[in-house]
Amino acid sequence: TIAVAEVKITAIEAHQKVDNLARKTKHREKELEHKLAAEQAERERVGKENQKRNQELAEQLEALRPEKFKKEAADEQAKKLLKFAELKEEKQNLTRKLFF
């Protein structure tokens, strides 16, 4: 009967260890699920921030394109005016040479 009692005690202890391990496993699973959910939420937040930043940069780029066109047009106009002034000066020099 002592041996039977010891076997029962050993069985109870084993059962308690299994229950304890099951509780720890369940607790760890919940921790991991929580961590995963937090990581997914962070990824979504970062993704939204990146999308917003990309949109802002695209808008800035679109705003710069007309400015670049205006600058190029102004540069072209300046070149034309310079060429016109050079041609006018050349015409005046040729006119002077003809009459003097």
PDB file of N, CA and C in Angstrom:
ATOM      1  N   THR A   1       0.819  -1.212   0.000  1.00  0.00           N
ATOM      2  CA  THR A   1       0.000   0.000   0.000  1.00  0.00           C
ATOM      3  C   THR A   1       0.852   1.261   0.000  1.00  0.00           C
ATOM      4  N   ILE A   2       2.022   1.185   0.612  1.00  0.00           N
ATOM      5  CA  ILE A   2       2.915   2.342   0.575  1.00  0.00           C
ATOM      6  C   ILE A   2       3.361   2.583  -0.859  1.00  0.00           C
ATOM      7  N   ALA A   3       3.657   1.517  -1.574  1.00  0.00           N
ATOM      8  CA  ALA A   3       4.076   1.644  -2.967  1.00  0.00           C
ATOM      9  C   ALA A   3       2.954   2.227  -3.804  1.00  0.00           C
ATOM     10  N   VAL A   4       1.726   1.819  -3.544  1.00  0.00           N
ATOM     11  CA  VAL A   4       0.574   2.349  -4.284  1.00  0.00           C
ATOM     12  C   VAL A   4       0.422   3.832  -3.984  1.00  0.00           C
ATOM     13  N   ALA A   5       0.591   4.203  -2.723  1.00  0.00           N
ATOM     14  CA  ALA A   5       0.480   5.613  -2.342  1.00  0.00           C
ATOM     15  C   ALA A   5       1.572   6.433  -3.015  1.00  0.00           C
ATOM     16  N   GLU A   6       2.796   5.876  -3.058  1.00  0.00           N
ATOM     17  CA  GLU A   6       3.895   6.591  -3.712  1.00  0.00           C
ATOM     18  C   GLU A   6       3.631   6.743  -5.207  1.00  0.00           C
ATOM     19  N   VAL A   7       3.076   5.727  -5.826  1.00  0.00           N
ATOM     20  CA  VAL A   7       2.737   5.803  -7.257  1.00  0.00           C
ATOM     21  C   VAL A   7       1.675   6.869  -7.464  1.00  0.00           C
ATOM     22  N   LYS A   8       0.681   6.918  -6.572  1.00  0.00           N
ATOM     23  CA  LYS A   8      -0.365   7.937  -6.688  1.00  0.00           C
ATOM     24  C   LYS A   8       0.222   9.334  -6.528  1.00  0.00           C
ATOM     25  N   ILE A   9       1.126   9.486  -5.553  1.00  0.00           N
ATOM     26  CA  ILE A   9       1.773  10.791  -5.342  1.00  0.00           C
ATOM     27  C   ILE A   9       2.581  11.171  -6.576  1.00  0.00           C
ATOM     28  N   THR A  10       3.331  10.228  -7.107  1.00  0.00           N
ATOM     29  CA  THR A  10       4.126  10.481  -8.313  1.00  0.00           C
ATOM     30  C   THR A  10       3.213  10.845  -9.477  1.00  0.00           C
ATOM     31  N   ALA A  11       2.091  10.164  -9.607  1.00  0.00           N
ATOM     32  CA  ALA A  11       1.139  10.464 -10.686  1.00  0.00           C
ATOM     33  C   ALA A  11       0.548  11.855 -10.504  1.00  0.00           C
ATOM     34  N   ILE A  12       0.210  12.195  -9.249  1.00  0.00           N
ATOM     35  CA  ILE A  12      -0.341  13.532  -8.976  1.00  0.00           C
ATOM     36  C   ILE A  12       0.701  14.602  -9.290  1.00  0.00           C
ATOM     37  N   GLU A  13       1.949  14.364  -8.868  1.00  0.00           N
ATOM     38  CA  GLU A  13       3.023  15.331  -9.150  1.00  0.00           C
ATOM     39  C   GLU A  13       3.226  15.473 -10.657  1.00  0.00           C
ATOM     40  N   ALA A  14       3.202  14.358 -11.368  1.00  0.00           N
ATOM     41  CA  ALA A  14       3.363  14.408 -12.831  1.00  0.00           C
ATOM     42  C   ALA A  14       2.208  15.183 -13.462  1.00  0.00           C
ATOM     43  N   HIS A  15       1.008  14.924 -12.981  1.00  0.00           N
ATOM     44  CA  HIS A  15      -0.171  15.630 -13.492  1.00  0.00           C
ATOM     45  C   HIS A  15      -0.059  17.138 -13.217  1.00  0.00           C
ATOM     46  N   GLN A  16       0.417  17.496 -12.019  1.00  0.00           N
ATOM     47  CA  GLN A  16       0.600  18.906 -11.681  1.00  0.00           C
ATOM     48  C   GLN A  16       1.647  19.549 -12.589  1.00  0.00           C
ATOM     49  N   LYS A  17       2.734  18.822 -12.862  1.00  0.00           N
ATOM     50  CA  LYS A  17       3.775  19.343 -13.760  1.00  0.00           C
ATOM     51  C   LYS A  17       3.218  19.554 -15.168  1.00  0.00           C
ATOM     52  N   VAL A  18       2.416  18.610 -15.628  1.00  0.00           N
ATOM     53  CA  VAL A  18       1.804  18.742 -16.959  1.00  0.00           C
ATOM     54  C   VAL A  18       0.876  19.947 -16.984  1.00  0.00           C
ATOM     55  N   ASP A  19       0.044  20.088 -15.937  1.00  0.00           N
ATOM     56  CA  ASP A  19      -0.860  21.244 -15.863  1.00  0.00           C
ATOM     57  C   ASP A  19      -0.076  22.554 -15.824  1.00  0.00           C
ATOM     58  N   ASN A  20       0.981  22.570 -15.019  1.00  0.00           N
ATOM     59  CA  ASN A  20       1.816  23.765 -14.901  1.00  0.00           C
ATOM     60  C   ASN A  20       2.462  24.108 -16.248  1.00  0.00           C
ATOM     61  N   LEU A  21       2.977  23.098 -16.921  1.00  0.00           N
ATOM     62  CA  LEU A  21       3.583  23.300 -18.240  1.00  0.00           C
ATOM     63  C   LEU A  21       2.540  23.800 -19.238  1.00  0.00           C
ATOM     64  N   ALA A  22       1.330  23.264 -19.179  1.00  0.00           N
ATOM     65  CA  ALA A  22       0.257  23.701 -20.078  1.00  0.00           C
ATOM     66  C   ALA A  22      -0.085  25.169 -19.822  1.00  0.00           C
ATOM     67  N   ARG A  23      -0.147  25.563 -18.529  1.00  0.00           N
ATOM     68  CA  ARG A  23      -0.424  26.966 -18.196  1.00  0.00           C
ATOM     69  C   ARG A  23       0.674  27.882 -18.723  1.00  0.00           C
ATOM     70  N   LYS A  24       1.940  27.477 -18.508  1.00  0.00           N
ATOM     71  CA  LYS A  24       3.070  28.281 -18.987  1.00  0.00           C
ATOM     72  C   LYS A  24       3.049  28.396 -20.511  1.00  0.00           C
ATOM     73  N   THR A  25       2.746  27.279 -21.165  1.00  0.00           N
ATOM     74  CA  THR A  25       2.691  27.284 -22.631  1.00  0.00           C
ATOM     75  C   THR A  25       1.590  28.215 -23.122  1.00  0.00           C
ATOM     76  N   LYS A  26       0.428  28.136 -22.498  1.00  0.00           N
ATOM     77  CA  LYS A  26      -0.689  28.995 -22.896  1.00  0.00           C
ATOM     78  C   LYS A  26      -0.343  30.470 -22.657  1.00  0.00           C
ATOM     79  N   HIS A  27       0.301  30.752 -21.514  1.00  0.00           N
ATOM     80  CA  HIS A  27       0.710  32.125 -21.202  1.00  0.00           C
ATOM     81  C   HIS A  27       1.721  32.626 -22.243  1.00  0.00           C
ATOM     82  N   ARG A  28       2.674  31.786 -22.593  1.00  0.00           N
ATOM     83  CA  ARG A  28       3.693  32.166 -23.590  1.00  0.00           C
ATOM     84  C   ARG A  28       3.049  32.397 -24.959  1.00  0.00           C
ATOM     85  N   GLU A  29       2.084  31.565 -25.327  1.00  0.00           N
ATOM     86  CA  GLU A  29       1.377  31.751 -26.600  1.00  0.00           C
ATOM     87  C   GLU A  29       0.675  33.105 -26.631  1.00  0.00           C
ATOM     88  N   LYS A  30       0.037  33.469 -25.512  1.00  0.00           N
ATOM     89  CA  LYS A  30      -0.649  34.764 -25.451  1.00  0.00           C
ATOM     90  C   LYS A  30       0.345  35.914 -25.562  1.00  0.00           C
ATOM     91  N   GLU A  31       1.505  35.772 -24.897  1.00  0.00           N
ATOM     92  CA  GLU A  31       2.549  36.797 -25.001  1.00  0.00           C
ATOM     93  C   GLU A  31       2.997  36.963 -26.452  1.00  0.00           C
ATOM     94  N   LEU A  32       3.228  35.836 -27.123  1.00  0.00           N
ATOM     95  CA  LEU A  32       3.686  35.881 -28.514  1.00  0.00           C
ATOM     96  C   LEU A  32       2.614  36.464 -29.437  1.00  0.00           C
ATOM     97  N   GLU A  33       1.356  36.116 -29.194  1.00  0.00           N
ATOM     98  CA  GLU A  33       0.266  36.683 -29.996  1.00  0.00           C
ATOM     99  C   GLU A  33       0.200  38.195 -29.807  1.00  0.00           C
ATOM    100  N   HIS A  34       0.359  38.641 -28.559  1.00  0.00           N
ATOM    101  CA  HIS A  34       0.336  40.077 -28.271  1.00  0.00           C
ATOM    102  C   HIS A  34       1.510  40.780 -28.962  1.00  0.00           C
ATOM    103  N   LYS A  35       2.696  40.165 -28.876  1.00  0.00           N
ATOM    104  CA  LYS A  35       3.881  40.739 -29.512  1.00  0.00           C
ATOM    105  C   LYS A  35       3.693  40.818 -31.029  1.00  0.00           C
ATOM    106  N   LEU A  36       3.154  39.767 -31.616  1.00  0.00           N
ATOM    107  CA  LEU A  36       2.908  39.745 -33.056  1.00  0.00           C
ATOM    108  C   LEU A  36       1.920  40.838 -33.456  1.00  0.00           C
ATOM    109  N   ALA A  37       0.855  40.986 -32.686  1.00  0.00           N
ATOM    110  CA  ALA A  37      -0.143  42.018 -32.984  1.00  0.00           C
ATOM    111  C   ALA A  37       0.482  43.406 -32.889  1.00  0.00           C
ATOM    112  N   ALA A  38       1.335  43.620 -31.886  1.00  0.00           N
ATOM    113  CA  ALA A  38       2.001  44.913 -31.727  1.00  0.00           C
ATOM    114  C   ALA A  38       2.938  45.182 -32.901  1.00  0.00           C
ATOM    115  N   GLU A  39       3.674  44.167 -33.334  1.00  0.00           N
ATOM    116  CA  GLU A  39       4.587  44.330 -34.472  1.00  0.00           C
ATOM    117  C   GLU A  39       3.814  44.623 -35.755  1.00  0.00           C
ATOM    118  N   GLN A  40       2.687  43.949 -35.951  1.00  0.00           N
ATOM    119  CA  GLN A  40       1.871  44.201 -37.140  1.00  0.00           C
ATOM    120  C   GLN A  40       1.317  45.620 -37.118  1.00  0.00           C
ATOM    121  N   ALA A  41       0.871  46.073 -35.949  1.00  0.00           N
ATOM    122  CA  ALA A  41       0.355  47.437 -35.830  1.00  0.00           C
ATOM    123  C   ALA A  41       1.459  48.445 -36.128  1.00  0.00           C
ATOM    124  N   GLU A  42       2.665  48.184 -35.647  1.00  0.00           N
ATOM    125  CA  GLU A  42       3.795  49.086 -35.901  1.00  0.00           C
ATOM    126  C   GLU A  42       4.130  49.110 -37.393  1.00  0.00           C
ATOM    127  N   ARG A  43       4.130  47.932 -38.036  1.00  0.00           N
ATOM    128  CA  ARG A  43       4.402  47.888 -39.478  1.00  0.00           C
ATOM    129  C   ARG A  43       3.361  48.679 -40.256  1.00  0.00           C
ATOM    130  N   GLU A  44       2.100  48.542 -39.869  1.00  0.00           N
ATOM    131  CA  GLU A  44       1.035  49.288 -40.546  1.00  0.00           C
ATOM    132  C   GLU A  44       1.212  50.790 -40.344  1.00  0.00           C
ATOM    133  N   ARG A  45       1.565  51.188 -39.119  1.00  0.00           N
ATOM    134  CA  ARG A  45       1.768  52.609 -38.832  1.00  0.00           C
ATOM    135  C   ARG A  45       2.919  53.167 -39.672  1.00  0.00           C
ATOM    136  N   VAL A  46       4.025  52.433 -39.701  1.00  0.00           N
ATOM    137  CA  VAL A  46       5.185  52.870 -40.484  1.00  0.00           C
ATOM    138  C   VAL A  46       4.834  52.902 -41.972  1.00  0.00           C
ATOM    139  N   GLY A  47       4.084  51.911 -42.427  1.00  0.00           N
ATOM    140  CA  GLY A  47       3.665  51.883 -43.832  1.00  0.00           C
ATOM    141  C   GLY A  47       2.822  53.092 -44.185  1.00  0.00           C
ATOM    142  N   LYS A  48       1.901  53.458 -43.301  1.00  0.00           N
ATOM    143  CA  LYS A  48       1.059  54.635 -43.550  1.00  0.00           C
ATOM    144  C   LYS A  48       1.892  55.904 -43.544  1.00  0.00           C
ATOM    145  N   GLU A  49       2.853  55.997 -42.602  1.00  0.00           N
ATOM    146  CA  GLU A  49       3.737  57.164 -42.565  1.00  0.00           C
ATOM    147  C   GLU A  49       4.545  57.264 -43.854  1.00  0.00           C
ATOM    148  N   ASN A  50       5.080  56.140 -44.319  1.00  0.00           N
ATOM    149  CA  ASN A  50       5.860  56.137 -45.558  1.00  0.00           C
ATOM    150  C   ASN A  50       4.995  56.535 -46.751  1.00  0.00           C
ATOM    151  N   GLN A  51       3.777  56.020 -46.779  1.00  0.00           N
ATOM    152  CA  GLN A  51       2.872  56.359 -47.876  1.00  0.00           C
ATOM    153  C   GLN A  51       2.565  57.861 -47.865  1.00  0.00           C
ATOM    154  N   LYS A  52       2.323  58.407 -46.681  1.00  0.00           N
ATOM    155  CA  LYS A  52       2.046  59.840 -46.557  1.00  0.00           C
ATOM    156  C   LYS A  52       3.262  60.653 -46.997  1.00  0.00           C
ATOM    157  N   ARG A  53       4.455  60.241 -46.565  1.00  0.00           N
ATOM    158  CA  ARG A  53       5.689  60.952 -46.932  1.00  0.00           C
ATOM    159  C   ARG A  53       5.923  60.865 -48.443  1.00  0.00           C
ATOM    160  N   ASN A  54       5.684  59.707 -49.029  1.00  0.00           N
ATOM    161  CA  ASN A  54       5.844  59.564 -50.477  1.00  0.00           C
ATOM    162  C   ASN A  54       4.887  60.491 -51.222  1.00  0.00           C
ATOM    163  N   GLN A  55       3.658  60.601 -50.726  1.00  0.00           N
ATOM    164  CA  GLN A  55       2.679  61.493 -51.345  1.00  0.00           C
ATOM    165  C   GLN A  55       3.144  62.945 -51.247  1.00  0.00           C
ATOM    166  N   GLU A  56       3.660  63.330 -50.069  1.00  0.00           N
ATOM    167  CA  GLU A  56       4.159  64.694 -49.895  1.00  0.00           C
ATOM    168  C   GLU A  56       5.310  64.974 -50.853  1.00  0.00           C
ATOM    169  N   LEU A  57       6.217  64.009 -50.988  1.00  0.00           N
ATOM    170  CA  LEU A  57       7.354  64.190 -51.894  1.00  0.00           C
ATOM    171  C   LEU A  57       6.896  64.277 -53.350  1.00  0.00           C
ATOM    172  N   ALA A  58       5.912  63.481 -53.710  1.00  0.00           N
ATOM    173  CA  ALA A  58       5.383  63.535 -55.075  1.00  0.00           C
ATOM    174  C   ALA A  58       4.759  64.899 -55.345  1.00  0.00           C
ATOM    175  N   GLU A  59       4.038  65.422 -54.353  1.00  0.00           N
ATOM    176  CA  GLU A  59       3.432  66.747 -54.513  1.00  0.00           C
ATOM    177  C   GLU A  59       4.502  67.825 -54.621  1.00  0.00           C
ATOM    178  N   GLN A  60       5.561  67.707 -53.818  1.00  0.00           N
ATOM    179  CA  GLN A  60       6.657  68.678 -53.901  1.00  0.00           C
ATOM    180  C   GLN A  60       7.325  68.616 -55.273  1.00  0.00           C
ATOM    181  N   LEU A  61       7.507  67.402 -55.777  1.00  0.00           N
ATOM    182  CA  LEU A  61       8.116  67.239 -57.097  1.00  0.00           C
ATOM    183  C   LEU A  61       7.250  67.881 -58.171  1.00  0.00           C
ATOM    184  N   GLU A  62       5.949  67.652 -58.098  1.00  0.00           N
ATOM    185  CA  GLU A  62       5.037  68.256 -59.071  1.00  0.00           C
ATOM    186  C   GLU A  62       5.077  69.781 -58.983  1.00  0.00           C
ATOM    187  N   ALA A  63       5.225  70.310 -57.778  1.00  0.00           N
ATOM    188  CA  ALA A  63       5.295  71.762 -57.607  1.00  0.00           C
ATOM    189  C   ALA A  63       6.595  72.314 -58.188  1.00  0.00           C
ATOM    190  N   LEU A  64       7.663  71.522 -58.133  1.00  0.00           N
ATOM    191  CA  LEU A  64       8.956  71.984 -58.643  1.00  0.00           C
ATOM    192  C   LEU A  64       9.027  71.958 -60.164  1.00  0.00           C
ATOM    193  N   ARG A  65       8.270  71.102 -60.795  1.00  0.00           N
ATOM    194  CA  ARG A  65       8.342  70.997 -62.255  1.00  0.00           C
ATOM    195  C   ARG A  65       7.981  72.310 -62.949  1.00  0.00           C
ATOM    196  N   PRO A  66       6.883  72.983 -62.568  1.00  0.00           N
ATOM    197  CA  PRO A  66       6.603  74.271 -63.206  1.00  0.00           C
ATOM    198  C   PRO A  66       7.697  75.301 -62.925  1.00  0.00           C
ATOM    199  N   GLU A  67       8.269  75.261 -61.714  1.00  0.00           N
ATOM    200  CA  GLU A  67       9.351  76.186 -61.384  1.00  0.00           C
ATOM    201  C   GLU A  67      10.561  75.926 -62.281  1.00  0.00           C
ATOM    202  N   LYS A  68      10.864  74.661 -62.513  1.00  0.00           N
ATOM    203  CA  LYS A  68      11.984  74.324 -63.386  1.00  0.00           C
ATOM    204  C   LYS A  68      11.697  74.812 -64.806  1.00  0.00           C
ATOM    205  N   PHE A  69      10.465  74.606 -65.261  1.00  0.00           N
ATOM    206  CA  PHE A  69      10.099  75.064 -66.597  1.00  0.00           C
ATOM    207  C   PHE A  69      10.229  76.582 -66.692  1.00  0.00           C
ATOM    208  N   LYS A  70       9.751  77.286 -65.655  1.00  0.00           N
ATOM    209  CA  LYS A  70       9.854  78.754 -65.648  1.00  0.00           C
ATOM    210  C   LYS A  70      11.314  79.191 -65.695  1.00  0.00           C
ATOM    211  N   LYS A  71      12.164  78.518 -64.916  1.00  0.00           N
ATOM    212  CA  LYS A  71      13.582  78.874 -64.895  1.00  0.00           C
ATOM    213  C   LYS A  71      14.209  78.612 -66.255  1.00  0.00           C
ATOM    214  N   GLU A  72      13.899  77.458 -66.845  1.00  0.00           N
ATOM    215  CA  GLU A  72      14.453  77.147 -68.161  1.00  0.00           C
ATOM    216  C   GLU A  72      13.973  78.158 -69.196  1.00  0.00           C
ATOM    217  N   ALA A  73      12.694  78.533 -69.114  1.00  0.00           N
ATOM    218  CA  ALA A  73      12.154  79.518 -70.048  1.00  0.00           C
ATOM    219  C   ALA A  73      12.834  80.866 -69.844  1.00  0.00           C
ATOM    220  N   ALA A  74      13.055  81.241 -68.590  1.00  0.00           N
ATOM    221  CA  ALA A  74      13.724  82.512 -68.299  1.00  0.00           C
ATOM    222  C   ALA A  74      15.162  82.477 -68.804  1.00  0.00           C
ATOM    223  N   ASP A  75      15.839  81.352 -68.619  1.00  0.00           N
ATOM    224  CA  ASP A  75      17.208  81.213 -69.118  1.00  0.00           C
ATOM    225  C   ASP A  75      17.231  81.317 -70.640  1.00  0.00           C
ATOM    226  N   GLU A  76      16.278  80.675 -71.287  1.00  0.00           N
ATOM    227  CA  GLU A  76      16.191  80.730 -72.748  1.00  0.00           C
ATOM    228  C   GLU A  76      15.920  82.156 -73.219  1.00  0.00           C
ATOM    229  N   GLN A  77      15.023  82.839 -72.514  1.00  0.00           N
ATOM    230  CA  GLN A  77      14.705  84.233 -72.857  1.00  0.00           C
ATOM    231  C   GLN A  77      15.945  85.110 -72.691  1.00  0.00           C
ATOM    232  N   ALA A  78      16.702  84.884 -71.624  1.00  0.00           N
ATOM    233  CA  ALA A  78      17.924  85.661 -71.392  1.00  0.00           C
ATOM    234  C   ALA A  78      18.929  85.414 -72.521  1.00  0.00           C
ATOM    235  N   LYS A  79      19.053  84.161 -72.961  1.00  0.00           N
ATOM    236  CA  LYS A  79      19.961  83.847 -74.068  1.00  0.00           C
ATOM    237  C   LYS A  79      19.523  84.562 -75.348  1.00  0.00           C
ATOM    238  N   LYS A  80      18.215  84.564 -75.600  1.00  0.00           N
ATOM    239  CA  LYS A  80      17.699  85.226 -76.800  1.00  0.00           C
ATOM    240  C   LYS A  80      17.949  86.730 -76.743  1.00  0.00           C
ATOM    241  N   LEU A  81      17.733  87.321 -75.563  1.00  0.00           N
ATOM    242  CA  LEU A  81      17.972  88.761 -75.417  1.00  0.00           C
ATOM    243  C   LEU A  81      19.448  89.087 -75.614  1.00  0.00           C
ATOM    244  N   LEU A  82      20.321  88.256 -75.077  1.00  0.00           N
ATOM    245  CA  LEU A  82      21.755  88.464 -75.250  1.00  0.00           C
ATOM    246  C   LEU A  82      22.134  88.349 -76.724  1.00  0.00           C
ATOM    247  N   LYS A  83      21.602  87.344 -77.392  1.00  0.00           N
ATOM    248  CA  LYS A  83      21.884  87.175 -78.820  1.00  0.00           C
ATOM    249  C   LYS A  83      21.368  88.374 -79.610  1.00  0.00           C
ATOM    250  N   PHE A  84      20.148  88.854 -79.248  1.00  0.00           N
ATOM    251  CA  PHE A  84      19.578  90.021 -79.913  1.00  0.00           C
ATOM    252  C   PHE A  84      20.474  91.240 -79.714  1.00  0.00           C
ATOM    253  N   ALA A  85      20.957  91.444 -78.484  1.00  0.00           N
ATOM    254  CA  ALA A  85      21.832  92.587 -78.200  1.00  0.00           C
ATOM    255  C   ALA A  85      23.130  92.475 -78.992  1.00  0.00           C
ATOM    256  N   GLU A  86      23.678  91.271 -79.085  1.00  0.00           N
ATOM    257  CA  GLU A  86      24.909  91.071 -79.852  1.00  0.00           C
ATOM    258  C   GLU A  86      24.678  91.370 -81.331  1.00  0.00           C
ATOM    259  N   LEU A  87      23.566  90.892 -81.871  1.00  0.00           N
ATOM    260  CA  LEU A  87      23.264  91.141 -83.282  1.00  0.00           C
ATOM    261  C   LEU A  87      23.022  92.626 -83.538  1.00  0.00           C
ATOM    262  N   LYS A  88      22.345  93.293 -82.607  1.00  0.00           N
ATOM    263  CA  LYS A  88      22.085  94.731 -82.756  1.00  0.00           C
ATOM    264  C   LYS A  88      23.400  95.505 -82.743  1.00  0.00           C
ATOM    265  N   GLU A  89      24.305  95.122 -81.832  1.00  0.00           N
ATOM    266  CA  GLU A  89      25.605  95.783 -81.761  1.00  0.00           C
ATOM    267  C   GLU A  89      26.390  95.532 -83.045  1.00  0.00           C
ATOM    268  N   GLU A  90      26.334  94.307 -83.548  1.00  0.00           N
ATOM    269  CA  GLU A  90      27.028  93.982 -84.796  1.00  0.00           C
ATOM    270  C   GLU A  90      26.454  94.801 -85.952  1.00  0.00           C
ATOM    271  N   LYS A  91      25.132  94.960 -85.971  1.00  0.00           N
ATOM    272  CA  LYS A  91      24.487  95.761 -87.019  1.00  0.00           C
ATOM    273  C   LYS A  91      24.959  97.210 -86.945  1.00  0.00           C
ATOM    274  N   GLN A  92      25.024  97.750 -85.729  1.00  0.00           N
ATOM    275  CA  GLN A  92      25.480  99.136 -85.563  1.00  0.00           C
ATOM    276  C   GLN A  92      26.919  99.287 -86.031  1.00  0.00           C
ATOM    277  N   ASN A  93      27.772  98.307 -85.693  1.00  0.00           N
ATOM    278  CA  ASN A  93      29.171  98.362 -86.124  1.00  0.00           C
ATOM    279  C   ASN A  93      29.272  98.309 -87.649  1.00  0.00           C
ATOM    280  N   LEU A  94      28.472  97.441 -88.253  1.00  0.00           N
ATOM    281  CA  LEU A  94      28.502  97.348 -89.716  1.00  0.00           C
ATOM    282  C   LEU A  94      27.971  98.629 -90.361  1.00  0.00           C
ATOM    283  N   THR A  95      26.940  99.205 -89.750  1.00  0.00           N
ATOM    284  CA  THR A  95      26.378 100.455 -90.277  1.00  0.00           C
ATOM    285  C   THR A  95      27.418 101.564 -90.197  1.00  0.00           C
ATOM    286  N   ARG A  96      28.134 101.654 -89.089  1.00  0.00           N
ATOM    287  CA  ARG A  96      29.186 102.675 -88.940  1.00  0.00           C
ATOM    288  C   ARG A  96      30.279 102.480 -89.986  1.00  0.00           C
ATOM    289  N   LYS A  97      30.665 101.224 -90.203  1.00  0.00           N
ATOM    290  CA  LYS A  97      31.719 100.953 -91.180  1.00  0.00           C
ATOM    291  C   LYS A  97      31.284 101.359 -92.585  1.00  0.00           C
ATOM    292  N   LEU A  98      30.007 101.166 -92.868  1.00  0.00           N
ATOM    293  CA  LEU A  98      29.509 101.515 -94.194  1.00  0.00           C
ATOM    294  C   LEU A  98      29.506 103.020 -94.422  1.00  0.00           C
ATOM    295  N   PHE A  99      29.156 103.781 -93.421  1.00  0.00           N
ATOM    296  CA  PHE A  99      28.997 105.226 -93.600  1.00  0.00           C
ATOM    297  C   PHE A  99      30.206 106.027 -93.159  1.00  0.00           C
ATOM    298  N   PHE A 100      31.196 105.451 -92.579  1.00  0.00           N
ATOM    299  CA  PHE A 100      32.365 106.235 -92.138  1.00  0.00           C
ATOM    300  C   PHE A 100      33.612 105.747 -92.722  1.00  0.00           C
TER     301      PHE A 100
END
